[in-house]
Structure formats: C-alpha cells, structure tokens
Amino acid sequence: QVQLVESGGGLVQLGGSLTLSCEVSTSRSLFSNSVLAWYRQAPGLQRKSVADIYSAGSTVYADSVKGRFTISRDNAKNTVYLQMNNLKPEDTAVYYCNIRWSGSLNTYWGQGTQVTVSS
C-alpha cells in the first residue's frame, strides 16, 4: 500500500510563502517513474489540480498559480514539494498530494494539509 504524508501547511499572511512537502512510502523505482501532483480544495468547492510534475521533470501548473508556485521532486527522498510564494487569500484550502503512473488506474492521495492565507 502506498502512503503519502503531507506537511508544511499553516497560517500565513498575504504575500507570504510556504513550502509543502509530501513523503511517499513506496519503492524508489515506483516513485521515480510516477507522476506527482498537488491538488487543493477550498470549502464548498471541488478539489482542483494545482501542479503536476512528470518523471522526466516536466511540470504543469494551473493558471491561478503560474509564476507563484513551484513543484519539484527529490527521487532520492521519495518526496514532492510545493513552494508557494506571494500567497493570496484565494489560495486558502486543504492541499493534497497525489501519485499516479502513466498507463495505470492506480492512484493514491495524502490526508491533506491546511493552508490559510490571511489578509
């Protein structure tokens, strides 16, 4: 069973920064060949994709976070990160990390970490 554990959430002021981490318990091979992603869900809204990073390192971002957020991965540590800069109140949400593999229906989620941006 693959397990994902997020950390790094918290309360930050408008314009501040946070870095989220997500450690994945799986083999190094499975991790390095995976697609990793961060999603977020605000109260009363659907969970939405924030950023993806593919095994080769290419990245995709939601328009709302482009230029402010950076997703990265450390295959030696089985960890994916989300660096969030210039945070806005609309970034307030529970952030979830996700792992999947191309050509497979298998996907796993973390438990979520709360990010709150105050104005």
Protein backbone atom coordinates (compact mmCIF):
# COMPACT_ATOMS: atom_id res chain seq x y z
CA GLN A 1 0.00 0.00 0.00
CA VAL A 2 1.35 3.39 -0.98
CA GLN A 3 1.08 6.06 1.69
CA LEU A 4 1.54 9.80 1.28
CA VAL A 5 2.14 12.16 4.19
CA GLU A 6 1.93 15.91 3.66
CA SER A 7 3.46 18.54 5.91
CA GLY A 8 4.23 22.24 5.90
CA GLY A 9 0.79 23.79 5.92
CA GLY A 10 -0.18 26.61 8.25
CA LEU A 11 -1.32 30.19 8.61
CA VAL A 12 0.49 32.86 6.60
CA GLN A 13 -0.16 36.50 5.81
CA LEU A 14 -0.96 37.94 2.41
CA GLY A 15 2.18 37.92 0.28
CA GLY A 16 3.92 35.32 2.40
CA SER A 17 5.45 31.99 1.47
CA LEU A 18 5.09 28.35 2.47
CA THR A 19 6.66 25.12 1.30
CA LEU A 20 4.62 21.94 1.39
CA SER A 21 6.26 18.53 1.45
CA CYS A 22 4.83 15.12 0.71
CA GLU A 23 6.77 11.97 1.51
CA VAL A 24 5.67 8.84 -0.32
CA SER A 25 6.19 5.35 1.05
CA THR A 26 6.89 3.19 -1.96
CA SER A 27 9.88 1.79 -3.77
CA ARG A 28 12.34 4.26 -5.21
CA SER A 29 11.71 2.81 -8.65
CA LEU A 30 7.95 3.28 -8.45
CA PHE A 31 8.41 6.79 -7.11
CA SER A 32 10.87 7.88 -9.80
CA ASN A 33 8.56 6.61 -12.56
CA SER A 34 5.47 8.28 -11.17
CA VAL A 35 3.54 11.44 -11.94
CA LEU A 36 3.20 13.55 -8.81
CA ALA A 37 0.68 16.29 -8.25
CA TRP A 38 -0.69 18.78 -5.78
CA TYR A 39 -4.41 19.50 -5.60
CA ARG A 40 -6.37 21.83 -3.37
CA GLN A 41 -9.92 22.01 -2.12
CA ALA A 42 -11.50 25.12 -0.67
CA PRO A 43 -14.64 24.87 1.48
CA GLY A 44 -17.71 24.11 -0.59
CA LEU A 45 -15.73 23.70 -3.79
CA GLN A 46 -14.41 20.78 -5.81
CA ARG A 47 -10.86 19.55 -5.49
CA LYS A 48 -8.75 21.13 -8.24
CA SER A 49 -5.35 20.46 -9.69
CA VAL A 50 -2.63 22.93 -8.75
CA ALA A 51 0.53 21.46 -10.27
CA ASP A 52 1.92 18.26 -11.78
CA ILE A 53 5.45 17.01 -12.22
CA TYR A 54 6.27 14.12 -14.50
CA SER A 55 9.00 11.54 -14.15
CA ALA A 56 11.28 13.40 -16.55
CA GLY A 57 10.79 16.61 -14.61
CA SER A 58 8.37 18.49 -16.82
CA THR A 59 5.74 20.49 -14.97
CA VAL A 60 2.21 21.77 -15.50
CA TYR A 61 0.54 24.50 -13.43
CA ALA A 62 -2.96 25.84 -13.01
CA ASP A 63 -3.25 29.35 -14.43
CA SER A 64 -4.12 30.71 -11.00
CA VAL A 65 -0.70 29.75 -9.55
CA LYS A 66 1.65 30.20 -12.51
CA GLY A 67 4.63 32.32 -11.59
CA ARG A 68 3.95 31.97 -7.86
CA PHE A 69 4.11 28.22 -7.14
CA THR A 70 6.86 25.74 -7.97
CA ILE A 71 6.52 21.97 -7.84
CA SER A 72 9.64 19.86 -7.50
CA ARG A 73 10.61 16.31 -6.66
CA ASP A 74 13.52 14.59 -4.94
CA ASN A 75 13.61 11.00 -6.13
CA ALA A 76 16.33 10.13 -3.60
CA LYS A 77 13.98 11.10 -0.77
CA ASN A 78 10.67 9.95 -2.30
CA THR A 79 9.39 13.45 -1.69
CA VAL A 80 7.49 16.04 -3.71
CA TYR A 81 7.43 19.71 -2.78
CA LEU A 82 5.27 22.73 -3.50
CA GLN A 83 6.94 26.08 -2.97
CA MET A 84 4.26 28.75 -2.68
CA ASN A 85 5.18 32.43 -2.93
CA ASN A 86 3.15 35.63 -2.94
CA LEU A 87 0.23 33.83 -1.32
CA LYS A 88 -3.26 35.27 -1.63
CA PRO A 89 -6.43 34.69 0.43
CA GLU A 90 -7.88 32.73 -2.50
CA ASP A 91 -5.06 30.19 -2.04
CA THR A 92 -6.67 29.17 1.25
CA ALA A 93 -7.57 25.48 1.00
CA VAL A 94 -6.67 21.99 2.06
CA TYR A 95 -3.77 20.86 -0.12
CA TYR A 96 -3.44 17.21 -1.12
CA CYS A 97 -0.61 15.40 -2.82
CA ASN A 98 -1.27 12.64 -5.32
CA ILE A 99 0.74 9.96 -7.06
CA ARG A 100 -0.17 8.09 -10.24
CA TRP A 101 1.51 6.27 -13.07
CA SER A 102 1.03 6.63 -16.81
CA GLY A 103 -1.00 3.77 -18.24
CA SER A 104 -2.27 2.70 -14.81
CA LEU A 105 -5.51 3.36 -12.95
CA ASN A 106 -3.72 3.20 -9.61
CA THR A 107 -3.64 6.48 -7.74
CA TYR A 108 -3.13 7.42 -4.12
CA TRP A 109 -3.80 10.51 -2.02
CA GLY A 110 -2.39 12.06 1.10
CA GLN A 111 -4.55 13.13 4.02
CA GLY A 112 -4.25 16.84 3.23
CA THR A 113 -2.69 19.83 4.91
CA GLN A 114 -4.46 23.12 5.61
CA VAL A 115 -3.11 26.35 4.17
CA THR A 116 -4.74 29.56 5.35
CA VAL A 117 -3.78 32.98 3.98
CA SER A 118 -4.96 35.97 5.99
CA SER A 119 -5.43 39.45 4.60
